[in-house]
Amino acid sequence: MPEESRTITLVGWNGPWTPDDPDANFKADVALYSHVDPMATISRLAAAMGIPEGAAVHYVLAKWASAGSGGLLELGPSMVHRLWAPIETAEEVGTDAVRLEAYEQLRQMISWLRLPLVGDEAGSGY
């Protein structure tokens, strides 16, 4: 991979966003973490590993940004579609009852996926 460099200024961000913004939760999280200086951790990590700070930042960003793709590879596209289907139905119907049904379906599917990690502790009996 060719070595490329790019300069980015780290800035805190506190909004604004509207209450009906579909990305409000993410934006609130961005605002929350704006109060944390990530470079203190990056600097210690880079020094401990004997690598440039920029390489540590690149690693952290690349690993975090690609985590969704890694999860997709592990789950597989058909499972992602199966997990999305109850959400899509609940949003189309738009009632609390159907949303609760979607939650229950997702809980059962995720409990099944989680079972190898926790054994019988998953709480579903599946």
N, C-alpha and C. Protein backbone atom coordinates (compact mmCIF):
# COMPACT_ATOMS: atom_id res chain seq x y z
N MET A 1 0.85 -1.17 0.00
CA MET A 1 0.00 0.00 0.00
C MET A 1 0.89 1.23 0.00
N PRO A 2 0.66 2.15 -0.90
CA PRO A 2 1.50 3.35 -0.94
C PRO A 2 1.28 4.19 0.31
N GLU A 3 2.38 4.76 0.78
CA GLU A 3 2.28 5.61 1.96
C GLU A 3 1.70 6.97 1.57
N GLU A 4 0.57 7.28 2.12
CA GLU A 4 -0.07 8.56 1.87
C GLU A 4 -0.21 9.29 3.19
N SER A 5 -0.14 10.59 3.15
CA SER A 5 -0.37 11.32 4.39
C SER A 5 -1.44 12.37 4.14
N ARG A 6 -2.12 12.67 5.20
CA ARG A 6 -3.22 13.62 5.12
C ARG A 6 -3.28 14.34 6.47
N THR A 7 -3.53 15.61 6.43
CA THR A 7 -3.63 16.37 7.67
C THR A 7 -5.09 16.65 7.98
N ILE A 8 -5.46 16.32 9.20
CA ILE A 8 -6.83 16.55 9.66
C ILE A 8 -6.75 17.26 11.00
N THR A 9 -7.55 18.26 11.18
CA THR A 9 -7.62 18.97 12.44
C THR A 9 -8.72 18.33 13.29
N LEU A 10 -8.37 17.91 14.49
CA LEU A 10 -9.36 17.35 15.39
C LEU A 10 -10.13 18.50 16.04
N VAL A 11 -11.43 18.45 15.92
CA VAL A 11 -12.25 19.51 16.48
C VAL A 11 -13.40 18.91 17.28
N GLY A 12 -13.78 19.60 18.33
CA GLY A 12 -14.96 19.22 19.07
C GLY A 12 -16.18 19.77 18.34
N TRP A 13 -17.30 19.11 18.50
CA TRP A 13 -18.53 19.56 17.83
C TRP A 13 -19.69 19.34 18.77
N ASN A 14 -20.51 20.36 18.94
CA ASN A 14 -21.64 20.28 19.85
C ASN A 14 -22.96 20.56 19.17
N GLY A 15 -23.05 20.38 17.89
CA GLY A 15 -24.33 20.57 17.21
C GLY A 15 -24.38 21.90 16.50
N PRO A 16 -25.55 22.29 16.18
CA PRO A 16 -26.86 21.81 16.64
C PRO A 16 -27.42 20.70 15.73
N TRP A 17 -28.47 20.06 16.22
CA TRP A 17 -29.27 19.14 15.43
C TRP A 17 -30.69 19.23 15.94
N THR A 18 -31.61 18.85 15.09
CA THR A 18 -33.02 18.94 15.46
C THR A 18 -33.46 17.66 16.17
N PRO A 19 -34.48 17.74 17.02
CA PRO A 19 -34.95 16.54 17.74
C PRO A 19 -35.43 15.42 16.81
N ASP A 20 -35.91 15.77 15.61
CA ASP A 20 -36.40 14.74 14.69
C ASP A 20 -35.32 14.27 13.71
N ASP A 21 -34.09 14.70 13.92
CA ASP A 21 -32.98 14.29 13.06
C ASP A 21 -32.78 12.77 13.21
N PRO A 22 -32.83 12.01 12.12
CA PRO A 22 -32.67 10.55 12.23
C PRO A 22 -31.29 10.15 12.74
N ASP A 23 -30.33 11.06 12.69
CA ASP A 23 -28.98 10.77 13.17
C ASP A 23 -28.69 11.45 14.50
N ALA A 24 -29.75 11.84 15.22
CA ALA A 24 -29.57 12.58 16.48
C ALA A 24 -28.76 11.81 17.50
N ASN A 25 -28.97 10.51 17.61
CA ASN A 25 -28.20 9.72 18.59
C ASN A 25 -26.71 9.74 18.28
N PHE A 26 -26.38 9.59 17.01
CA PHE A 26 -24.96 9.62 16.63
C PHE A 26 -24.38 11.00 16.90
N LYS A 27 -25.12 12.04 16.54
CA LYS A 27 -24.63 13.40 16.74
C LYS A 27 -24.46 13.72 18.22
N ALA A 28 -25.37 13.23 19.05
CA ALA A 28 -25.24 13.43 20.50
C ALA A 28 -23.99 12.72 21.01
N ASP A 29 -23.69 11.55 20.47
CA ASP A 29 -22.48 10.82 20.85
C ASP A 29 -21.23 11.58 20.43
N VAL A 30 -21.25 12.14 19.21
CA VAL A 30 -20.13 12.95 18.74
C VAL A 30 -19.91 14.13 19.69
N ALA A 31 -21.00 14.79 20.07
CA ALA A 31 -20.90 15.94 20.98
C ALA A 31 -20.36 15.50 22.34
N LEU A 32 -20.81 14.35 22.83
CA LEU A 32 -20.34 13.85 24.12
C LEU A 32 -18.84 13.60 24.09
N TYR A 33 -18.36 12.94 23.04
CA TYR A 33 -16.94 12.62 22.96
C TYR A 33 -16.08 13.82 22.56
N SER A 34 -16.70 14.94 22.23
CA SER A 34 -15.94 16.15 21.92
C SER A 34 -15.21 16.68 23.14
N HIS A 35 -15.61 16.22 24.32
CA HIS A 35 -14.98 16.68 25.56
C HIS A 35 -13.76 15.84 25.94
N VAL A 36 -13.45 14.83 25.15
CA VAL A 36 -12.34 13.93 25.44
C VAL A 36 -11.19 14.24 24.48
N ASP A 37 -9.98 14.29 25.02
CA ASP A 37 -8.80 14.49 24.17
C ASP A 37 -8.23 13.12 23.81
N PRO A 38 -8.48 12.64 22.58
CA PRO A 38 -8.01 11.31 22.22
C PRO A 38 -6.49 11.25 22.06
N MET A 39 -5.86 12.39 21.88
CA MET A 39 -4.42 12.36 21.60
C MET A 39 -3.60 11.95 22.82
N ALA A 40 -4.13 12.10 24.01
CA ALA A 40 -3.39 11.64 25.19
C ALA A 40 -3.19 10.13 25.11
N THR A 41 -4.26 9.41 24.77
CA THR A 41 -4.18 7.96 24.64
C THR A 41 -3.33 7.57 23.44
N ILE A 42 -3.54 8.25 22.32
CA ILE A 42 -2.76 7.97 21.10
C ILE A 42 -1.27 8.18 21.35
N SER A 43 -0.92 9.26 22.02
CA SER A 43 0.49 9.56 22.29
C SER A 43 1.13 8.47 23.14
N ARG A 44 0.43 8.03 24.20
CA ARG A 44 0.97 6.97 25.05
C ARG A 44 1.09 5.65 24.28
N LEU A 45 0.06 5.33 23.48
CA LEU A 45 0.10 4.10 22.68
C LEU A 45 1.27 4.12 21.71
N ALA A 46 1.41 5.22 20.98
CA ALA A 46 2.48 5.33 19.99
C ALA A 46 3.85 5.22 20.65
N ALA A 47 4.02 5.89 21.78
CA ALA A 47 5.31 5.83 22.48
C ALA A 47 5.60 4.41 22.97
N ALA A 48 4.59 3.77 23.53
CA ALA A 48 4.78 2.40 24.05
C ALA A 48 5.11 1.41 22.94
N MET A 49 4.53 1.61 21.76
CA MET A 49 4.75 0.69 20.64
C MET A 49 5.93 1.08 19.76
N GLY A 50 6.43 2.29 19.96
CA GLY A 50 7.54 2.75 19.14
C GLY A 50 7.14 3.03 17.70
N ILE A 51 5.93 3.58 17.53
CA ILE A 51 5.44 3.92 16.18
C ILE A 51 5.05 5.39 16.16
N PRO A 52 5.00 6.00 14.99
CA PRO A 52 4.58 7.40 14.91
C PRO A 52 3.11 7.57 15.35
N GLU A 53 2.81 8.70 15.96
CA GLU A 53 1.43 8.97 16.36
C GLU A 53 0.47 8.88 15.18
N GLY A 54 0.89 9.37 14.03
CA GLY A 54 0.03 9.31 12.85
C GLY A 54 -0.31 7.88 12.45
N ALA A 55 0.65 6.97 12.63
CA ALA A 55 0.39 5.56 12.32
C ALA A 55 -0.63 4.98 13.30
N ALA A 56 -0.53 5.36 14.57
CA ALA A 56 -1.50 4.89 15.57
C ALA A 56 -2.89 5.44 15.27
N VAL A 57 -2.98 6.72 14.91
CA VAL A 57 -4.27 7.32 14.55
C VAL A 57 -4.85 6.62 13.33
N HIS A 58 -4.01 6.38 12.33
CA HIS A 58 -4.46 5.70 11.11
C HIS A 58 -5.02 4.32 11.45
N TYR A 59 -4.30 3.58 12.28
CA TYR A 59 -4.74 2.24 12.68
C TYR A 59 -6.10 2.30 13.38
N VAL A 60 -6.23 3.18 14.37
CA VAL A 60 -7.47 3.27 15.14
C VAL A 60 -8.64 3.65 14.23
N LEU A 61 -8.45 4.63 13.37
CA LEU A 61 -9.53 5.04 12.47
C LEU A 61 -9.87 3.95 11.47
N ALA A 62 -8.86 3.32 10.88
CA ALA A 62 -9.12 2.28 9.89
C ALA A 62 -9.82 1.08 10.52
N LYS A 63 -9.38 0.69 11.71
CA LYS A 63 -9.99 -0.46 12.37
C LYS A 63 -11.42 -0.16 12.78
N TRP A 64 -11.67 1.02 13.34
CA TRP A 64 -13.03 1.39 13.76
C TRP A 64 -13.94 1.55 12.55
N ALA A 65 -13.46 2.23 11.53
CA ALA A 65 -14.29 2.50 10.35
C ALA A 65 -14.62 1.23 9.58
N SER A 66 -13.76 0.23 9.65
CA SER A 66 -14.02 -1.00 8.91
C SER A 66 -14.72 -2.06 9.75
N ALA A 67 -15.01 -1.76 11.02
CA ALA A 67 -15.61 -2.76 11.89
C ALA A 67 -16.96 -3.24 11.36
N GLY A 68 -17.74 -2.35 10.78
CA GLY A 68 -19.03 -2.75 10.21
C GLY A 68 -18.85 -3.74 9.07
N SER A 69 -17.85 -3.51 8.23
CA SER A 69 -17.58 -4.43 7.13
C SER A 69 -17.14 -5.79 7.66
N GLY A 70 -16.33 -5.78 8.72
CA GLY A 70 -15.89 -7.04 9.31
C GLY A 70 -17.07 -7.81 9.88
N GLY A 71 -17.99 -7.08 10.54
CA GLY A 71 -19.18 -7.72 11.08
C GLY A 71 -20.04 -8.31 9.98
N LEU A 72 -20.16 -7.60 8.87
CA LEU A 72 -20.92 -8.10 7.73
C LEU A 72 -20.32 -9.39 7.20
N LEU A 73 -19.00 -9.44 7.11
CA LEU A 73 -18.35 -10.65 6.63
C LEU A 73 -18.61 -11.83 7.55
N GLU A 74 -18.63 -11.58 8.86
CA GLU A 74 -18.87 -12.66 9.81
C GLU A 74 -20.32 -13.11 9.82
N LEU A 75 -21.26 -12.16 9.76
CA LEU A 75 -22.68 -12.50 9.78
C LEU A 75 -23.16 -13.02 8.43
N GLY A 76 -22.68 -12.39 7.39
CA GLY A 76 -23.14 -12.72 6.05
C GLY A 76 -24.32 -11.86 5.65
N PRO A 77 -24.44 -11.57 4.36
CA PRO A 77 -25.49 -10.68 3.89
C PRO A 77 -26.90 -11.19 4.18
N SER A 78 -27.13 -12.50 4.11
CA SER A 78 -28.49 -12.98 4.33
C SER A 78 -28.93 -12.73 5.77
N MET A 79 -28.02 -12.87 6.73
CA MET A 79 -28.38 -12.63 8.13
C MET A 79 -28.63 -11.15 8.36
N VAL A 80 -27.86 -10.28 7.74
CA VAL A 80 -28.08 -8.84 7.88
C VAL A 80 -29.47 -8.49 7.36
N HIS A 81 -29.86 -9.06 6.22
CA HIS A 81 -31.21 -8.81 5.68
C HIS A 81 -32.28 -9.36 6.62
N ARG A 82 -32.03 -10.53 7.21
CA ARG A 82 -33.01 -11.11 8.16
C ARG A 82 -33.15 -10.23 9.39
N LEU A 83 -32.05 -9.66 9.88
CA LEU A 83 -32.12 -8.78 11.03
C LEU A 83 -32.83 -7.46 10.69
N TRP A 84 -32.67 -7.01 9.46
CA TRP A 84 -33.27 -5.74 9.05
C TRP A 84 -34.77 -5.86 8.79
N ALA A 85 -35.25 -7.02 8.37
CA ALA A 85 -36.64 -7.20 7.97
C ALA A 85 -37.65 -6.78 9.04
N PRO A 86 -37.50 -7.19 10.31
CA PRO A 86 -38.48 -6.76 11.30
C PRO A 86 -38.48 -5.25 11.53
N ILE A 87 -37.32 -4.64 11.43
CA ILE A 87 -37.21 -3.18 11.59
C ILE A 87 -37.95 -2.49 10.45
N GLU A 88 -37.71 -2.96 9.24
CA GLU A 88 -38.35 -2.37 8.07
C GLU A 88 -39.88 -2.48 8.18
N THR A 89 -40.37 -3.65 8.58
CA THR A 89 -41.81 -3.84 8.74
C THR A 89 -42.35 -2.91 9.82
N ALA A 90 -41.66 -2.83 10.94
CA ALA A 90 -42.12 -1.98 12.04
C ALA A 90 -42.18 -0.51 11.62
N GLU A 91 -41.20 -0.07 10.86
CA GLU A 91 -41.20 1.33 10.42
C GLU A 91 -42.30 1.59 9.40
N GLU A 92 -42.57 0.61 8.54
CA GLU A 92 -43.65 0.78 7.56
C GLU A 92 -45.01 0.87 8.25
N VAL A 93 -45.26 -0.01 9.22
CA VAL A 93 -46.54 -0.02 9.92
C VAL A 93 -46.61 1.15 10.89
N GLY A 94 -45.54 1.36 11.64
CA GLY A 94 -45.43 2.54 12.49
C GLY A 94 -46.19 2.50 13.81
N THR A 95 -46.64 1.35 14.26
CA THR A 95 -47.34 1.29 15.54
C THR A 95 -46.41 0.75 16.62
N ASP A 96 -46.70 1.11 17.86
CA ASP A 96 -45.89 0.62 18.97
C ASP A 96 -45.96 -0.90 19.08
N ALA A 97 -47.13 -1.47 18.82
CA ALA A 97 -47.29 -2.92 18.92
C ALA A 97 -46.38 -3.64 17.92
N VAL A 98 -46.32 -3.16 16.70
CA VAL A 98 -45.47 -3.81 15.69
C VAL A 98 -44.00 -3.56 16.00
N ARG A 99 -43.67 -2.39 16.54
CA ARG A 99 -42.28 -2.15 16.93
C ARG A 99 -41.87 -3.09 18.07
N LEU A 100 -42.77 -3.34 18.99
CA LEU A 100 -42.49 -4.27 20.08
C LEU A 100 -42.30 -5.69 19.55
N GLU A 101 -43.11 -6.07 18.56
CA GLU A 101 -42.93 -7.38 17.92
C GLU A 101 -41.57 -7.46 17.25
N ALA A 102 -41.16 -6.37 16.59
CA ALA A 102 -39.85 -6.35 15.92
C ALA A 102 -38.74 -6.50 16.95
N TYR A 103 -38.88 -5.80 18.07
CA TYR A 103 -37.88 -5.93 19.13
C TYR A 103 -37.77 -7.39 19.58
N GLU A 104 -38.91 -8.03 19.79
CA GLU A 104 -38.90 -9.42 20.25
C GLU A 104 -38.25 -10.34 19.21
N GLN A 105 -38.55 -10.12 17.94
CA GLN A 105 -37.91 -10.93 16.89
C GLN A 105 -36.39 -10.72 16.91
N LEU A 106 -35.97 -9.47 16.98
CA LEU A 106 -34.54 -9.17 17.00
C LEU A 106 -33.88 -9.75 18.25
N ARG A 107 -34.55 -9.66 19.39
CA ARG A 107 -34.01 -10.22 20.63
C ARG A 107 -33.77 -11.72 20.47
N GLN A 108 -34.72 -12.40 19.87
CA GLN A 108 -34.58 -13.84 19.70
C GLN A 108 -33.44 -14.18 18.73
N MET A 109 -33.36 -13.45 17.62
CA MET A 109 -32.31 -13.73 16.64
C MET A 109 -30.93 -13.45 17.23
N ILE A 110 -30.80 -12.33 17.92
CA ILE A 110 -29.50 -11.97 18.49
C ILE A 110 -29.14 -12.91 19.63
N SER A 111 -30.13 -13.34 20.39
CA SER A 111 -29.89 -14.32 21.45
C SER A 111 -29.34 -15.61 20.84
N TRP A 112 -29.89 -16.02 19.72
CA TRP A 112 -29.42 -17.22 19.03
C TRP A 112 -27.98 -17.03 18.54
N LEU A 113 -27.68 -15.84 17.97
CA LEU A 113 -26.33 -15.57 17.48
C LEU A 113 -25.33 -15.51 18.64
N ARG A 114 -25.79 -15.04 19.77
CA ARG A 114 -24.94 -14.84 20.93
C ARG A 114 -24.70 -16.14 21.72
N LEU A 115 -25.54 -17.11 21.56
CA LEU A 115 -25.50 -18.34 22.35
C LEU A 115 -24.10 -18.98 22.41
N PRO A 116 -23.38 -19.11 21.30
CA PRO A 116 -22.04 -19.73 21.41
C PRO A 116 -21.08 -18.93 22.29
N LEU A 117 -21.35 -17.64 22.48
CA LEU A 117 -20.47 -16.81 23.29
C LEU A 117 -20.74 -16.94 24.78
N VAL A 118 -22.00 -17.22 25.13
CA VAL A 118 -22.37 -17.22 26.55
C VAL A 118 -22.99 -18.51 27.02
N GLY A 119 -23.12 -19.50 26.18
CA GLY A 119 -23.75 -20.76 26.56
C GLY A 119 -25.20 -20.55 26.91
N ASP A 120 -25.65 -21.16 27.97
CA ASP A 120 -27.05 -21.05 28.37
C ASP A 120 -27.39 -19.73 29.04
N GLU A 121 -26.41 -18.87 29.27
CA GLU A 121 -26.65 -17.58 29.91
C GLU A 121 -27.43 -16.61 29.03
N ALA A 122 -27.58 -16.91 27.74
CA ALA A 122 -28.23 -15.97 26.82
C ALA A 122 -29.65 -15.65 27.25
N GLY A 123 -30.24 -16.49 28.05
CA GLY A 123 -31.53 -16.18 28.62
C GLY A 123 -32.72 -16.48 27.75
N SER A 124 -32.52 -17.10 26.63
CA SER A 124 -33.67 -17.33 25.76
C SER A 124 -34.06 -18.79 25.71
N GLY A 125 -33.15 -19.68 26.04
CA GLY A 125 -33.43 -21.09 25.96
C GLY A 125 -33.39 -21.62 24.53
N TYR A 126 -32.93 -20.81 23.56
CA TYR A 126 -32.88 -21.25 22.17
C TYR A 126 -31.60 -21.98 21.90
